Amino acid sequence: MIRRLGTLALAGASAAIVAGCGGPSADLYVLERTGSIPGAKLTMVVGDGGTVRCNGGKQYEISSAQLIDARAIVGDLNGDEKEPGPARKSVNLKPGKYTILRYNVRTEFGTVSFSDSSRPQPPVFFAVAKLTRELAKNVCGLPR
């Protein structure tokens, strides 16, 4: 009887694994961008399976290099328990005097907010802005 239960449990686990294959990947992060210029408003979801979706539209594949960059950004935003990153600390930088774009990035471990004029910014915030522009323009086909 125990052997049969073990076999049934193994079969059930195998079915669950197979059912999970081909499903949507987890989100690396969700970004909201606002601003004072045309085309600034953006909601972007970057998926760990190598996809991006802009403003609730079609899902597009991103390049391996872009996925590596996105994963590195999330790693830097999150940090770890010993050295928490800005997301774990819920960093919210005030905008500077001449702000054009404002970013809000949510990861599994927290949220960061900053603008293009916030000071001081950690290098990962500049990486977020750069990758956002690259994905929005070159993958989603947006003007900004």
N, C-alpha and C. Protein backbone atom coordinates (compact mmCIF):
# COMPACT_ATOMS: atom_id res chain seq x y z
N MET A 1 0.82 -1.20 0.00
CA MET A 1 0.00 0.00 0.00
C MET A 1 0.86 1.26 0.00
N ILE A 2 1.91 1.28 0.84
CA ILE A 2 2.78 2.45 0.91
C ILE A 2 3.49 2.64 -0.43
N ARG A 3 3.95 1.54 -1.05
CA ARG A 3 4.63 1.64 -2.33
C ARG A 3 3.69 2.24 -3.38
N ARG A 4 2.42 1.81 -3.38
CA ARG A 4 1.45 2.33 -4.35
C ARG A 4 1.20 3.82 -4.12
N LEU A 5 1.12 4.27 -2.86
CA LEU A 5 0.94 5.69 -2.57
C LEU A 5 2.14 6.49 -3.02
N GLY A 6 3.32 5.91 -2.82
CA GLY A 6 4.55 6.58 -3.28
C GLY A 6 4.56 6.73 -4.78
N THR A 7 4.14 5.69 -5.49
CA THR A 7 4.08 5.74 -6.95
C THR A 7 3.06 6.76 -7.41
N LEU A 8 1.89 6.80 -6.76
CA LEU A 8 0.87 7.79 -7.11
C LEU A 8 1.36 9.20 -6.84
N ALA A 9 2.07 9.41 -5.73
CA ALA A 9 2.59 10.73 -5.41
C ALA A 9 3.62 11.16 -6.45
N LEU A 10 4.49 10.23 -6.86
CA LEU A 10 5.48 10.53 -7.88
C LEU A 10 4.81 10.86 -9.21
N ALA A 11 3.80 10.11 -9.57
CA ALA A 11 3.07 10.37 -10.82
C ALA A 11 2.39 11.74 -10.77
N GLY A 12 1.83 12.06 -9.62
CA GLY A 12 1.18 13.37 -9.47
C GLY A 12 2.18 14.50 -9.56
N ALA A 13 3.34 14.31 -8.95
CA ALA A 13 4.38 15.35 -9.02
C ALA A 13 4.88 15.51 -10.44
N SER A 14 5.05 14.40 -11.15
CA SER A 14 5.49 14.46 -12.54
C SER A 14 4.47 15.19 -13.41
N ALA A 15 3.19 14.93 -13.18
CA ALA A 15 2.14 15.61 -13.95
C ALA A 15 2.15 17.10 -13.66
N ALA A 16 2.39 17.46 -12.41
CA ALA A 16 2.43 18.88 -12.05
C ALA A 16 3.60 19.58 -12.73
N ILE A 17 4.73 18.90 -12.80
CA ILE A 17 5.90 19.48 -13.47
C ILE A 17 5.63 19.66 -14.95
N VAL A 18 5.08 18.64 -15.59
CA VAL A 18 4.77 18.72 -17.02
C VAL A 18 3.74 19.80 -17.28
N ALA A 19 2.74 19.91 -16.42
CA ALA A 19 1.71 20.93 -16.61
C ALA A 19 2.30 22.33 -16.49
N GLY A 20 3.36 22.46 -15.70
CA GLY A 20 3.99 23.76 -15.52
C GLY A 20 4.83 24.17 -16.72
N CYS A 21 5.29 23.22 -17.51
CA CYS A 21 6.11 23.54 -18.66
C CYS A 21 5.29 24.27 -19.71
N GLY A 22 5.87 25.27 -20.30
CA GLY A 22 5.19 26.00 -21.34
C GLY A 22 4.27 27.08 -20.83
N GLY A 23 4.15 27.19 -19.51
CA GLY A 23 3.33 28.25 -18.93
C GLY A 23 4.09 29.56 -18.93
N PRO A 24 3.44 30.62 -18.56
CA PRO A 24 4.10 31.91 -18.55
C PRO A 24 5.21 31.95 -17.49
N SER A 25 6.28 32.66 -17.80
CA SER A 25 7.38 32.78 -16.86
C SER A 25 7.05 33.83 -15.79
N ALA A 26 7.81 33.79 -14.74
CA ALA A 26 7.62 34.78 -13.68
C ALA A 26 8.07 36.15 -14.16
N ASP A 27 7.50 37.18 -13.59
CA ASP A 27 7.93 38.53 -13.91
C ASP A 27 9.22 38.84 -13.17
N LEU A 28 10.18 39.43 -13.87
CA LEU A 28 11.38 39.94 -13.21
C LEU A 28 11.04 41.23 -12.48
N TYR A 29 10.38 42.13 -13.23
CA TYR A 29 9.95 43.38 -12.61
C TYR A 29 8.85 44.03 -13.43
N VAL A 30 8.14 44.92 -12.75
CA VAL A 30 7.11 45.74 -13.38
C VAL A 30 7.55 47.19 -13.20
N LEU A 31 7.59 47.92 -14.29
CA LEU A 31 8.04 49.30 -14.27
C LEU A 31 6.92 50.22 -14.73
N GLU A 32 6.75 51.31 -14.03
CA GLU A 32 5.84 52.37 -14.46
C GLU A 32 6.66 53.63 -14.61
N ARG A 33 6.53 54.25 -15.78
CA ARG A 33 7.25 55.50 -16.04
C ARG A 33 6.23 56.58 -16.35
N THR A 34 6.41 57.72 -15.78
CA THR A 34 5.58 58.89 -16.07
C THR A 34 6.51 60.05 -16.38
N GLY A 35 5.94 61.12 -16.90
CA GLY A 35 6.78 62.27 -17.18
C GLY A 35 6.05 63.40 -17.83
N SER A 36 6.82 64.44 -18.10
CA SER A 36 6.26 65.68 -18.62
C SER A 36 6.40 65.82 -20.13
N ILE A 37 6.84 64.78 -20.81
CA ILE A 37 7.01 64.85 -22.26
C ILE A 37 6.10 63.82 -22.94
N PRO A 38 5.75 64.05 -24.19
CA PRO A 38 4.91 63.09 -24.91
C PRO A 38 5.56 61.71 -24.95
N GLY A 39 4.76 60.68 -24.73
CA GLY A 39 5.26 59.31 -24.77
C GLY A 39 5.94 58.84 -23.51
N ALA A 40 5.92 59.66 -22.48
CA ALA A 40 6.60 59.28 -21.23
C ALA A 40 5.85 58.18 -20.50
N LYS A 41 4.53 58.19 -20.56
CA LYS A 41 3.73 57.22 -19.81
C LYS A 41 3.95 55.81 -20.36
N LEU A 42 4.37 54.92 -19.46
CA LEU A 42 4.70 53.56 -19.86
C LEU A 42 4.51 52.61 -18.69
N THR A 43 3.91 51.47 -18.96
CA THR A 43 3.90 50.35 -18.02
C THR A 43 4.57 49.20 -18.74
N MET A 44 5.63 48.68 -18.15
CA MET A 44 6.44 47.63 -18.78
C MET A 44 6.57 46.45 -17.83
N VAL A 45 6.31 45.26 -18.35
CA VAL A 45 6.49 44.03 -17.57
C VAL A 45 7.57 43.22 -18.27
N VAL A 46 8.66 42.97 -17.55
CA VAL A 46 9.77 42.18 -18.09
C VAL A 46 9.71 40.80 -17.46
N GLY A 47 9.59 39.77 -18.31
CA GLY A 47 9.45 38.39 -17.84
C GLY A 47 10.77 37.64 -17.85
N ASP A 48 10.93 36.74 -16.90
CA ASP A 48 12.16 35.96 -16.77
C ASP A 48 12.34 34.97 -17.91
N GLY A 49 11.32 34.76 -18.71
CA GLY A 49 11.43 33.87 -19.86
C GLY A 49 11.94 34.58 -21.10
N GLY A 50 12.32 35.86 -20.95
CA GLY A 50 12.85 36.61 -22.08
C GLY A 50 11.80 37.36 -22.86
N THR A 51 10.82 37.94 -22.14
CA THR A 51 9.75 38.67 -22.80
C THR A 51 9.57 40.05 -22.18
N VAL A 52 8.91 40.91 -22.94
CA VAL A 52 8.52 42.22 -22.43
C VAL A 52 7.15 42.55 -22.98
N ARG A 53 6.36 43.24 -22.17
CA ARG A 53 5.04 43.71 -22.57
C ARG A 53 4.97 45.19 -22.19
N CYS A 54 4.60 46.02 -23.15
CA CYS A 54 4.51 47.46 -22.92
C CYS A 54 3.06 47.92 -22.98
N ASN A 55 2.64 48.64 -21.97
CA ASN A 55 1.30 49.23 -21.90
C ASN A 55 0.18 48.21 -22.12
N GLY A 56 0.37 47.00 -21.61
CA GLY A 56 -0.66 45.97 -21.71
C GLY A 56 -0.83 45.40 -23.10
N GLY A 57 0.07 45.73 -24.01
CA GLY A 57 -0.04 45.26 -25.38
C GLY A 57 0.54 43.88 -25.57
N LYS A 58 0.92 43.61 -26.80
CA LYS A 58 1.47 42.32 -27.20
C LYS A 58 2.76 42.02 -26.45
N GLN A 59 2.98 40.76 -26.18
CA GLN A 59 4.21 40.31 -25.54
C GLN A 59 5.26 40.07 -26.63
N TYR A 60 6.46 40.61 -26.43
CA TYR A 60 7.56 40.46 -27.39
C TYR A 60 8.72 39.72 -26.74
N GLU A 61 9.48 39.02 -27.56
CA GLU A 61 10.71 38.40 -27.08
C GLU A 61 11.82 39.45 -27.06
N ILE A 62 12.68 39.33 -26.05
CA ILE A 62 13.84 40.22 -25.97
C ILE A 62 15.09 39.37 -26.24
N SER A 63 16.19 40.03 -26.55
CA SER A 63 17.42 39.32 -26.85
C SER A 63 18.02 38.72 -25.58
N SER A 64 18.91 37.77 -25.76
CA SER A 64 19.61 37.17 -24.61
C SER A 64 20.36 38.23 -23.83
N ALA A 65 21.00 39.15 -24.53
CA ALA A 65 21.76 40.21 -23.86
C ALA A 65 20.82 41.09 -23.03
N GLN A 66 19.66 41.41 -23.57
CA GLN A 66 18.69 42.22 -22.82
C GLN A 66 18.17 41.47 -21.60
N LEU A 67 17.95 40.16 -21.73
CA LEU A 67 17.50 39.36 -20.59
C LEU A 67 18.59 39.31 -19.52
N ILE A 68 19.83 39.15 -19.93
CA ILE A 68 20.94 39.14 -18.98
C ILE A 68 21.00 40.48 -18.25
N ASP A 69 20.84 41.58 -19.00
CA ASP A 69 20.83 42.91 -18.37
C ASP A 69 19.68 43.05 -17.38
N ALA A 70 18.49 42.58 -17.77
CA ALA A 70 17.32 42.67 -16.89
C ALA A 70 17.53 41.87 -15.61
N ARG A 71 18.08 40.68 -15.73
CA ARG A 71 18.34 39.85 -14.55
C ARG A 71 19.39 40.50 -13.65
N ALA A 72 20.42 41.10 -14.25
CA ALA A 72 21.44 41.78 -13.46
C ALA A 72 20.84 42.98 -12.72
N ILE A 73 19.97 43.71 -13.40
CA ILE A 73 19.30 44.85 -12.77
C ILE A 73 18.49 44.39 -11.56
N VAL A 74 17.73 43.33 -11.73
CA VAL A 74 16.91 42.83 -10.62
C VAL A 74 17.80 42.36 -9.47
N GLY A 75 18.89 41.70 -9.80
CA GLY A 75 19.82 41.27 -8.76
C GLY A 75 20.38 42.45 -7.98
N ASP A 76 20.73 43.52 -8.70
CA ASP A 76 21.26 44.72 -8.04
C ASP A 76 20.18 45.45 -7.26
N LEU A 77 18.96 45.49 -7.80
CA LEU A 77 17.87 46.15 -7.07
C LEU A 77 17.53 45.41 -5.78
N ASN A 78 17.50 44.08 -5.86
CA ASN A 78 17.12 43.28 -4.70
C ASN A 78 18.25 43.11 -3.69
N GLY A 79 19.46 42.91 -4.16
CA GLY A 79 20.54 42.56 -3.25
C GLY A 79 20.22 41.24 -2.59
N ASP A 80 20.65 41.09 -1.35
CA ASP A 80 20.32 39.87 -0.60
C ASP A 80 20.13 40.24 0.87
N GLU A 81 19.93 39.24 1.69
CA GLU A 81 19.64 39.51 3.11
C GLU A 81 20.83 40.17 3.81
N LYS A 82 22.06 39.78 3.42
CA LYS A 82 23.25 40.36 4.04
C LYS A 82 23.48 41.80 3.58
N GLU A 83 23.31 42.01 2.29
CA GLU A 83 23.49 43.34 1.71
C GLU A 83 22.25 43.68 0.89
N PRO A 84 21.22 44.17 1.56
CA PRO A 84 19.98 44.48 0.84
C PRO A 84 20.18 45.58 -0.20
N GLY A 85 19.53 45.40 -1.34
CA GLY A 85 19.59 46.41 -2.39
C GLY A 85 18.49 47.44 -2.20
N PRO A 86 18.42 48.40 -3.10
CA PRO A 86 17.43 49.48 -2.97
C PRO A 86 15.98 48.99 -2.88
N ALA A 87 15.64 47.91 -3.59
CA ALA A 87 14.25 47.41 -3.55
C ALA A 87 13.91 46.88 -2.16
N ARG A 88 14.81 46.13 -1.56
CA ARG A 88 14.56 45.61 -0.21
C ARG A 88 14.47 46.75 0.81
N LYS A 89 15.12 47.86 0.49
CA LYS A 89 15.10 49.03 1.39
C LYS A 89 13.97 49.99 1.03
N SER A 90 13.22 49.69 -0.01
CA SER A 90 12.13 50.56 -0.49
C SER A 90 12.60 51.99 -0.72
N VAL A 91 13.70 52.14 -1.46
CA VAL A 91 14.28 53.46 -1.73
C VAL A 91 13.32 54.28 -2.58
N ASN A 92 13.07 55.50 -2.14
CA ASN A 92 12.22 56.45 -2.84
C ASN A 92 12.96 57.78 -2.88
N LEU A 93 13.61 58.06 -4.02
CA LEU A 93 14.38 59.29 -4.15
C LEU A 93 13.49 60.42 -4.66
N LYS A 94 13.63 61.55 -4.03
CA LYS A 94 12.84 62.72 -4.46
C LYS A 94 13.36 63.23 -5.79
N PRO A 95 12.44 63.72 -6.62
CA PRO A 95 12.88 64.30 -7.90
C PRO A 95 13.65 65.59 -7.68
N GLY A 96 14.57 65.85 -8.59
CA GLY A 96 15.30 67.11 -8.56
C GLY A 96 14.46 68.23 -9.15
N LYS A 97 15.10 69.37 -9.31
CA LYS A 97 14.39 70.57 -9.76
C LYS A 97 13.83 70.45 -11.18
N TYR A 98 14.59 69.85 -12.08
CA TYR A 98 14.18 69.77 -13.48
C TYR A 98 13.93 68.32 -13.89
N THR A 99 12.84 67.76 -13.45
CA THR A 99 12.52 66.37 -13.72
C THR A 99 11.73 66.23 -15.01
N ILE A 100 12.13 65.27 -15.82
CA ILE A 100 11.40 64.96 -17.04
C ILE A 100 10.69 63.61 -16.90
N LEU A 101 11.41 62.60 -16.40
CA LEU A 101 10.85 61.25 -16.28
C LEU A 101 10.94 60.76 -14.83
N ARG A 102 9.90 60.03 -14.42
CA ARG A 102 9.85 59.43 -13.08
C ARG A 102 9.61 57.93 -13.24
N TYR A 103 10.34 57.13 -12.45
CA TYR A 103 10.29 55.66 -12.56
C TYR A 103 9.83 55.05 -11.24
N ASN A 104 9.03 54.01 -11.34
CA ASN A 104 8.60 53.21 -10.20
C ASN A 104 8.80 51.75 -10.62
N VAL A 105 9.69 51.03 -9.92
CA VAL A 105 10.04 49.67 -10.31
C VAL A 105 9.72 48.73 -9.15
N ARG A 106 8.88 47.72 -9.45
CA ARG A 106 8.49 46.75 -8.43
C ARG A 106 9.10 45.39 -8.76
N THR A 107 9.83 44.84 -7.78
CA THR A 107 10.41 43.51 -7.92
C THR A 107 9.75 42.60 -6.88
N GLU A 108 10.19 41.38 -6.83
CA GLU A 108 9.67 40.43 -5.86
C GLU A 108 9.91 40.88 -4.42
N PHE A 109 10.98 41.66 -4.20
CA PHE A 109 11.36 42.02 -2.83
C PHE A 109 11.08 43.46 -2.44
N GLY A 110 10.51 44.25 -3.34
CA GLY A 110 10.19 45.63 -2.96
C GLY A 110 10.08 46.54 -4.16
N THR A 111 9.97 47.82 -3.86
CA THR A 111 9.74 48.83 -4.89
C THR A 111 10.72 49.98 -4.71
N VAL A 112 11.19 50.51 -5.83
CA VAL A 112 12.01 51.72 -5.81
C VAL A 112 11.34 52.77 -6.65
N SER A 113 11.54 54.03 -6.29
CA SER A 113 11.02 55.16 -7.06
C SER A 113 12.13 56.20 -7.18
N PHE A 114 12.26 56.75 -8.37
CA PHE A 114 13.28 57.77 -8.61
C PHE A 114 12.93 58.52 -9.89
N SER A 115 13.58 59.62 -10.11
CA SER A 115 13.39 60.36 -11.35
C SER A 115 14.74 60.55 -12.03
N ASP A 116 14.71 61.04 -13.25
CA ASP A 116 15.95 61.26 -13.97
C ASP A 116 16.81 62.33 -13.31
N SER A 117 16.22 63.13 -12.45
CA SER A 117 16.97 64.20 -11.78
C SER A 117 17.24 63.92 -10.30
N SER A 118 16.87 62.75 -9.82
CA SER A 118 17.12 62.40 -8.41
C SER A 118 18.62 62.28 -8.17
N ARG A 119 19.03 62.74 -7.01
CA ARG A 119 20.44 62.61 -6.61
C ARG A 119 20.50 62.26 -5.15
N PRO A 120 21.40 61.40 -4.73
CA PRO A 120 22.30 60.59 -5.56
C PRO A 120 21.61 59.30 -5.99
N GLN A 121 21.88 58.89 -7.20
CA GLN A 121 21.31 57.65 -7.73
C GLN A 121 22.38 56.56 -7.74
N PRO A 122 22.01 55.35 -7.31
CA PRO A 122 22.96 54.25 -7.49
C PRO A 122 23.04 53.89 -8.98
N PRO A 123 24.14 53.31 -9.42
CA PRO A 123 24.30 52.97 -10.84
C PRO A 123 23.16 52.12 -11.41
N VAL A 124 22.54 51.28 -10.60
CA VAL A 124 21.47 50.41 -11.11
C VAL A 124 20.28 51.24 -11.59
N PHE A 125 20.04 52.41 -11.03
CA PHE A 125 18.92 53.24 -11.48
C PHE A 125 19.17 53.75 -12.91
N PHE A 126 20.42 54.09 -13.22
CA PHE A 126 20.76 54.50 -14.58
C PHE A 126 20.59 53.32 -15.55
N ALA A 127 20.94 52.11 -15.08
CA ALA A 127 20.76 50.91 -15.90
C ALA A 127 19.29 50.66 -16.18
N VAL A 128 18.43 50.89 -15.19
CA VAL A 128 16.98 50.73 -15.37
C VAL A 128 16.50 51.68 -16.46
N ALA A 129 16.88 52.95 -16.38
CA ALA A 129 16.44 53.94 -17.36
C ALA A 129 16.92 53.58 -18.76
N LYS A 130 18.17 53.14 -18.87
CA LYS A 130 18.74 52.78 -20.18
C LYS A 130 18.02 51.58 -20.79
N LEU A 131 17.84 50.50 -20.00
CA LEU A 131 17.18 49.32 -20.54
C LEU A 131 15.71 49.60 -20.86
N THR A 132 15.06 50.42 -20.05
CA THR A 132 13.67 50.78 -20.32
C THR A 132 13.54 51.45 -21.68
N ARG A 133 14.40 52.41 -21.94
CA ARG A 133 14.36 53.12 -23.22
C ARG A 133 14.64 52.16 -24.38
N GLU A 134 15.64 51.30 -24.20
CA GLU A 134 16.00 50.34 -25.25
C GLU A 134 14.85 49.38 -25.57
N LEU A 135 14.24 48.83 -24.54
CA LEU A 135 13.13 47.89 -24.76
C LEU A 135 11.91 48.60 -25.33
N ALA A 136 11.59 49.76 -24.80
CA ALA A 136 10.40 50.49 -25.27
C ALA A 136 10.54 50.86 -26.76
N LYS A 137 11.69 51.38 -27.14
CA LYS A 137 11.89 51.81 -28.53
C LYS A 137 12.15 50.65 -29.48
N ASN A 138 13.10 49.81 -29.14
CA ASN A 138 13.59 48.81 -30.09
C ASN A 138 12.80 47.51 -30.09
N VAL A 139 12.08 47.21 -29.03
CA VAL A 139 11.31 45.98 -28.97
C VAL A 139 9.81 46.26 -29.09
N CYS A 140 9.31 47.17 -28.27
CA CYS A 140 7.87 47.48 -28.29
C CYS A 140 7.49 48.47 -29.38
N GLY A 141 8.47 49.14 -29.98
CA GLY A 141 8.20 50.07 -31.07
C GLY A 141 7.59 51.39 -30.64
N LEU A 142 7.83 51.78 -29.38
CA LEU A 142 7.31 53.05 -28.88
C LEU A 142 8.28 54.18 -29.21
N PRO A 143 7.80 55.42 -29.21
CA PRO A 143 8.69 56.54 -29.55
C PRO A 143 9.73 56.87 -28.48
N ARG A 144 9.49 56.44 -27.25
CA ARG A 144 10.41 56.81 -26.16
C ARG A 144 10.58 55.69 -25.19
